[in-house]
């Protein structure tokens, strides 16, 4: 059995991390869109303003129930994040081969 080359393993792990950080996927739930990279870091958060307007139809901003808005956005953010995570997992599975894993492990 061969010895593990630690510097080589660290280098390969860094290469894999760099590759994963470049993969992105977006998750959406109603008014919230979250973009994650392959490291599950949020790279962007966006809001669908038209969807928000449809949800809180009001002629005056002061009529909007802010507590309801915050609860809705919080729920949408959580669901968008989970959706984006699923998209990233699919992307990583489809872009990673057995040979890539063998090379990473030495």
N, C-alpha and C. Protein backbone atom coordinates (compact mmCIF):
# COMPACT_ATOMS: atom_id res chain seq x y z
N UNK A 1 0.85 -1.18 0.00
CA UNK A 1 0.00 0.00 0.00
C UNK A 1 0.89 1.24 0.00
N UNK A 2 0.63 2.20 -0.88
CA UNK A 2 1.44 3.39 -1.01
C UNK A 2 1.15 4.40 0.07
N UNK A 3 2.09 5.28 0.26
CA UNK A 3 1.94 6.35 1.25
C UNK A 3 1.15 7.49 0.62
N UNK A 4 0.37 8.14 1.43
CA UNK A 4 -0.42 9.28 0.98
C UNK A 4 0.47 10.50 0.84
N UNK A 5 0.46 11.10 -0.32
CA UNK A 5 1.24 12.31 -0.58
C UNK A 5 0.38 13.50 -0.14
N UNK A 6 0.62 13.98 1.07
CA UNK A 6 -0.20 15.05 1.67
C UNK A 6 -0.19 16.32 0.83
N UNK A 7 0.96 16.84 0.42
CA UNK A 7 0.93 18.07 -0.38
C UNK A 7 0.13 17.89 -1.68
N UNK A 8 0.26 16.74 -2.31
CA UNK A 8 -0.48 16.48 -3.55
C UNK A 8 -1.99 16.41 -3.25
N UNK A 9 -2.35 15.77 -2.15
CA UNK A 9 -3.77 15.67 -1.77
C UNK A 9 -4.35 17.04 -1.47
N UNK A 10 -3.59 17.89 -0.78
CA UNK A 10 -4.04 19.25 -0.46
C UNK A 10 -4.23 20.05 -1.75
N UNK A 11 -3.28 19.92 -2.67
CA UNK A 11 -3.36 20.62 -3.95
C UNK A 11 -4.60 20.18 -4.73
N UNK A 12 -4.84 18.88 -4.77
CA UNK A 12 -6.01 18.37 -5.50
C UNK A 12 -7.31 18.80 -4.83
N UNK A 13 -7.32 18.84 -3.51
CA UNK A 13 -8.52 19.30 -2.79
C UNK A 13 -8.78 20.78 -3.11
N UNK A 14 -7.73 21.57 -3.18
CA UNK A 14 -7.88 23.00 -3.52
C UNK A 14 -8.40 23.16 -4.94
N UNK A 15 -7.91 22.33 -5.86
CA UNK A 15 -8.40 22.37 -7.24
C UNK A 15 -9.89 22.03 -7.29
N UNK A 16 -10.29 20.99 -6.52
CA UNK A 16 -11.70 20.60 -6.48
C UNK A 16 -12.55 21.73 -5.90
N UNK A 17 -12.04 22.38 -4.85
CA UNK A 17 -12.77 23.49 -4.23
C UNK A 17 -12.94 24.63 -5.23
N UNK A 18 -11.88 24.96 -5.95
CA UNK A 18 -11.96 26.03 -6.96
C UNK A 18 -12.98 25.69 -8.04
N UNK A 19 -12.96 24.44 -8.48
CA UNK A 19 -13.91 24.00 -9.51
C UNK A 19 -15.35 24.11 -9.00
N UNK A 20 -15.57 23.67 -7.76
CA UNK A 20 -16.92 23.70 -7.19
C UNK A 20 -17.41 25.13 -6.98
N UNK A 21 -16.49 26.05 -6.66
CA UNK A 21 -16.92 27.42 -6.41
C UNK A 21 -17.39 28.10 -7.70
N UNK A 22 -17.02 27.55 -8.85
CA UNK A 22 -17.42 28.14 -10.13
C UNK A 22 -18.76 27.62 -10.63
N UNK A 23 -19.24 26.53 -10.02
CA UNK A 23 -20.54 25.98 -10.40
C UNK A 23 -21.62 26.76 -9.65
N UNK A 24 -22.65 27.19 -10.37
CA UNK A 24 -23.74 27.94 -9.73
C UNK A 24 -25.08 27.38 -10.16
N UNK A 25 -26.05 27.52 -9.25
CA UNK A 25 -27.43 27.14 -9.55
C UNK A 25 -28.36 28.09 -8.79
N UNK A 26 -29.50 28.35 -9.40
CA UNK A 26 -30.49 29.25 -8.79
C UNK A 26 -31.67 28.44 -8.30
N UNK A 27 -32.17 28.84 -7.15
CA UNK A 27 -33.40 28.27 -6.62
C UNK A 27 -34.42 29.38 -6.49
N UNK A 28 -35.67 29.06 -6.75
CA UNK A 28 -36.71 30.09 -6.70
C UNK A 28 -37.93 29.55 -5.98
N UNK A 29 -38.49 30.37 -5.14
CA UNK A 29 -39.78 30.08 -4.51
C UNK A 29 -40.56 31.39 -4.49
N UNK A 30 -41.57 31.45 -5.32
CA UNK A 30 -42.41 32.64 -5.45
C UNK A 30 -41.56 33.87 -5.73
N UNK A 31 -41.38 34.76 -4.76
CA UNK A 31 -40.76 36.06 -5.01
C UNK A 31 -39.25 36.08 -4.77
N UNK A 32 -38.68 34.99 -4.28
CA UNK A 32 -37.27 34.99 -3.89
C UNK A 32 -36.45 34.07 -4.79
N UNK A 33 -35.31 34.59 -5.25
CA UNK A 33 -34.39 33.81 -6.07
C UNK A 33 -33.03 33.84 -5.38
N UNK A 34 -32.48 32.66 -5.09
CA UNK A 34 -31.18 32.56 -4.44
C UNK A 34 -30.25 31.78 -5.36
N UNK A 35 -29.03 32.31 -5.52
CA UNK A 35 -28.01 31.64 -6.32
C UNK A 35 -26.93 31.14 -5.37
N UNK A 36 -26.63 29.83 -5.49
CA UNK A 36 -25.57 29.20 -4.70
C UNK A 36 -24.45 28.75 -5.61
N UNK A 37 -23.25 28.65 -5.03
CA UNK A 37 -22.17 28.00 -5.77
C UNK A 37 -22.03 26.57 -5.26
N UNK A 38 -21.09 25.84 -5.82
CA UNK A 38 -20.91 24.43 -5.46
C UNK A 38 -20.45 24.21 -4.04
N UNK A 39 -20.09 25.27 -3.34
CA UNK A 39 -19.69 25.17 -1.94
C UNK A 39 -20.84 25.54 -1.01
N UNK A 40 -22.03 25.65 -1.57
CA UNK A 40 -23.25 26.04 -0.83
C UNK A 40 -23.13 27.43 -0.21
N UNK A 41 -22.40 28.30 -0.89
CA UNK A 41 -22.32 29.70 -0.49
C UNK A 41 -23.30 30.50 -1.34
N UNK A 42 -24.03 31.40 -0.70
CA UNK A 42 -24.96 32.26 -1.43
C UNK A 42 -24.15 33.30 -2.18
N UNK A 43 -24.32 33.34 -3.50
CA UNK A 43 -23.60 34.32 -4.31
C UNK A 43 -24.50 35.47 -4.75
N UNK A 44 -25.82 35.26 -4.67
CA UNK A 44 -26.75 36.33 -5.05
C UNK A 44 -28.14 36.04 -4.48
N UNK A 45 -28.81 37.09 -4.09
CA UNK A 45 -30.21 37.02 -3.67
C UNK A 45 -30.96 38.08 -4.46
N UNK A 46 -32.06 37.67 -5.05
CA UNK A 46 -32.84 38.61 -5.85
C UNK A 46 -34.32 38.41 -5.52
N UNK A 47 -35.12 39.41 -5.83
CA UNK A 47 -36.55 39.35 -5.55
C UNK A 47 -37.32 39.64 -6.82
N UNK A 48 -38.37 38.89 -7.04
CA UNK A 48 -39.27 39.11 -8.17
C UNK A 48 -40.29 40.15 -7.72
N UNK A 49 -40.07 41.39 -8.10
CA UNK A 49 -40.90 42.50 -7.64
C UNK A 49 -42.35 42.32 -8.08
N UNK A 50 -42.57 41.85 -9.30
CA UNK A 50 -43.94 41.64 -9.77
C UNK A 50 -44.67 40.61 -8.91
N UNK A 51 -43.96 39.55 -8.52
CA UNK A 51 -44.55 38.53 -7.65
C UNK A 51 -44.90 39.13 -6.29
N UNK A 52 -44.03 39.98 -5.76
CA UNK A 52 -44.32 40.64 -4.49
C UNK A 52 -45.54 41.54 -4.60
N UNK A 53 -45.62 42.27 -5.69
CA UNK A 53 -46.77 43.16 -5.91
C UNK A 53 -48.06 42.35 -5.98
N UNK A 54 -48.01 41.20 -6.65
CA UNK A 54 -49.21 40.36 -6.76
C UNK A 54 -49.62 39.80 -5.40
N UNK A 55 -48.63 39.48 -4.57
CA UNK A 55 -48.91 38.91 -3.26
C UNK A 55 -49.52 39.94 -2.32
N UNK A 56 -49.01 41.15 -2.38
CA UNK A 56 -49.46 42.21 -1.48
C UNK A 56 -50.07 43.33 -2.32
N UNK A 57 -51.22 43.06 -2.87
CA UNK A 57 -51.91 44.04 -3.69
C UNK A 57 -52.43 45.16 -2.79
N UNK A 58 -51.86 46.32 -3.00
CA UNK A 58 -52.24 47.46 -2.19
C UNK A 58 -51.90 48.73 -2.96
N UNK A 59 -52.73 49.72 -2.81
CA UNK A 59 -52.46 50.98 -3.52
C UNK A 59 -51.51 51.86 -2.73
N UNK A 60 -51.35 51.58 -1.44
CA UNK A 60 -50.49 52.41 -0.60
C UNK A 60 -49.52 51.51 0.17
N UNK A 61 -48.26 51.87 0.16
CA UNK A 61 -47.23 51.09 0.86
C UNK A 61 -47.53 50.97 2.35
N UNK A 62 -48.18 51.96 2.93
CA UNK A 62 -48.47 51.92 4.36
C UNK A 62 -49.54 50.88 4.69
N UNK A 63 -50.26 50.39 3.69
CA UNK A 63 -51.28 49.37 3.92
C UNK A 63 -50.70 47.96 3.98
N UNK A 64 -49.44 47.80 3.62
CA UNK A 64 -48.83 46.47 3.59
C UNK A 64 -48.57 46.00 5.01
N UNK A 65 -48.96 44.78 5.29
CA UNK A 65 -48.72 44.15 6.58
C UNK A 65 -47.26 43.68 6.59
N UNK A 66 -46.39 44.46 7.22
CA UNK A 66 -44.96 44.15 7.20
C UNK A 66 -44.63 42.82 7.87
N UNK A 67 -45.35 42.47 8.92
CA UNK A 67 -45.10 41.19 9.59
C UNK A 67 -45.42 40.03 8.64
N UNK A 68 -46.52 40.13 7.93
CA UNK A 68 -46.87 39.10 6.95
C UNK A 68 -45.84 39.05 5.82
N UNK A 69 -45.38 40.20 5.38
CA UNK A 69 -44.37 40.26 4.33
C UNK A 69 -43.07 39.58 4.79
N UNK A 70 -42.63 39.87 6.00
CA UNK A 70 -41.39 39.28 6.51
C UNK A 70 -41.52 37.76 6.65
N UNK A 71 -42.67 37.30 7.15
CA UNK A 71 -42.89 35.86 7.28
C UNK A 71 -42.87 35.18 5.92
N UNK A 72 -43.52 35.79 4.94
CA UNK A 72 -43.58 35.23 3.60
C UNK A 72 -42.19 35.18 2.97
N UNK A 73 -41.44 36.27 3.08
CA UNK A 73 -40.10 36.31 2.51
C UNK A 73 -39.17 35.31 3.20
N UNK A 74 -39.29 35.18 4.50
CA UNK A 74 -38.48 34.21 5.23
C UNK A 74 -38.75 32.79 4.74
N UNK A 75 -40.02 32.47 4.57
CA UNK A 75 -40.40 31.15 4.05
C UNK A 75 -39.87 30.96 2.63
N UNK A 76 -40.01 31.98 1.80
CA UNK A 76 -39.53 31.89 0.42
C UNK A 76 -38.01 31.75 0.36
N UNK A 77 -37.30 32.45 1.22
CA UNK A 77 -35.84 32.35 1.24
C UNK A 77 -35.41 30.94 1.59
N UNK A 78 -36.02 30.36 2.61
CA UNK A 78 -35.67 28.99 3.01
C UNK A 78 -35.94 28.00 1.88
N UNK A 79 -37.10 28.12 1.25
CA UNK A 79 -37.44 27.20 0.16
C UNK A 79 -36.54 27.42 -1.05
N UNK A 80 -36.20 28.66 -1.35
CA UNK A 80 -35.32 28.96 -2.47
C UNK A 80 -33.93 28.39 -2.23
N UNK A 81 -33.45 28.50 -1.01
CA UNK A 81 -32.15 27.96 -0.66
C UNK A 81 -32.13 26.44 -0.84
N UNK A 82 -33.17 25.77 -0.35
CA UNK A 82 -33.25 24.32 -0.51
C UNK A 82 -33.32 23.92 -1.98
N UNK A 83 -34.08 24.68 -2.77
CA UNK A 83 -34.18 24.41 -4.20
C UNK A 83 -32.82 24.57 -4.88
N UNK A 84 -32.11 25.63 -4.53
CA UNK A 84 -30.79 25.86 -5.11
C UNK A 84 -29.82 24.75 -4.71
N UNK A 85 -29.89 24.29 -3.45
CA UNK A 85 -29.03 23.19 -2.99
C UNK A 85 -29.28 21.93 -3.82
N UNK A 86 -30.53 21.64 -4.09
CA UNK A 86 -30.86 20.46 -4.90
C UNK A 86 -30.30 20.60 -6.31
N UNK A 87 -30.40 21.82 -6.87
CA UNK A 87 -29.86 22.06 -8.22
C UNK A 87 -28.35 21.89 -8.23
N UNK A 88 -27.67 22.39 -7.20
CA UNK A 88 -26.21 22.25 -7.11
C UNK A 88 -25.83 20.78 -6.99
N UNK A 89 -26.55 20.03 -6.15
CA UNK A 89 -26.25 18.60 -5.99
C UNK A 89 -26.37 17.87 -7.31
N UNK A 90 -27.42 18.16 -8.05
CA UNK A 90 -27.60 17.54 -9.37
C UNK A 90 -26.45 17.89 -10.30
N UNK A 91 -26.06 19.17 -10.29
CA UNK A 91 -24.97 19.63 -11.16
C UNK A 91 -23.66 18.96 -10.79
N UNK A 92 -23.38 18.88 -9.49
CA UNK A 92 -22.14 18.26 -9.04
C UNK A 92 -22.10 16.77 -9.38
N UNK A 93 -23.23 16.09 -9.21
CA UNK A 93 -23.28 14.67 -9.54
C UNK A 93 -23.06 14.45 -11.03
N UNK A 94 -23.68 15.30 -11.84
CA UNK A 94 -23.55 15.11 -13.28
C UNK A 94 -22.17 15.53 -13.81
N UNK A 95 -21.47 16.40 -13.07
CA UNK A 95 -20.17 16.87 -13.57
C UNK A 95 -18.98 16.16 -12.94
N UNK A 96 -19.22 15.25 -12.00
CA UNK A 96 -18.13 14.55 -11.34
C UNK A 96 -18.11 13.09 -11.80
N UNK A 97 -16.95 12.66 -12.23
CA UNK A 97 -16.81 11.27 -12.68
C UNK A 97 -16.05 10.47 -11.63
N UNK A 98 -16.08 9.16 -11.76
CA UNK A 98 -15.34 8.27 -10.87
C UNK A 98 -13.85 8.57 -10.98
N UNK A 99 -13.38 8.86 -12.20
CA UNK A 99 -11.97 9.19 -12.39
C UNK A 99 -11.57 10.44 -11.61
N UNK A 100 -12.48 11.43 -11.57
CA UNK A 100 -12.21 12.65 -10.80
C UNK A 100 -12.01 12.30 -9.32
N UNK A 101 -12.87 11.43 -8.81
CA UNK A 101 -12.76 11.04 -7.40
C UNK A 101 -11.49 10.25 -7.14
N UNK A 102 -11.15 9.36 -8.06
CA UNK A 102 -9.90 8.58 -7.91
C UNK A 102 -8.70 9.51 -7.90
N UNK A 103 -8.69 10.50 -8.81
CA UNK A 103 -7.57 11.44 -8.85
C UNK A 103 -7.49 12.26 -7.58
N UNK A 104 -8.63 12.64 -7.03
CA UNK A 104 -8.65 13.43 -5.82
C UNK A 104 -8.07 12.63 -4.66
N UNK A 105 -8.40 11.34 -4.61
CA UNK A 105 -7.94 10.50 -3.52
C UNK A 105 -6.52 9.98 -3.73
N UNK A 106 -5.98 10.19 -4.89
CA UNK A 106 -4.60 9.76 -5.17
C UNK A 106 -4.59 8.38 -5.70
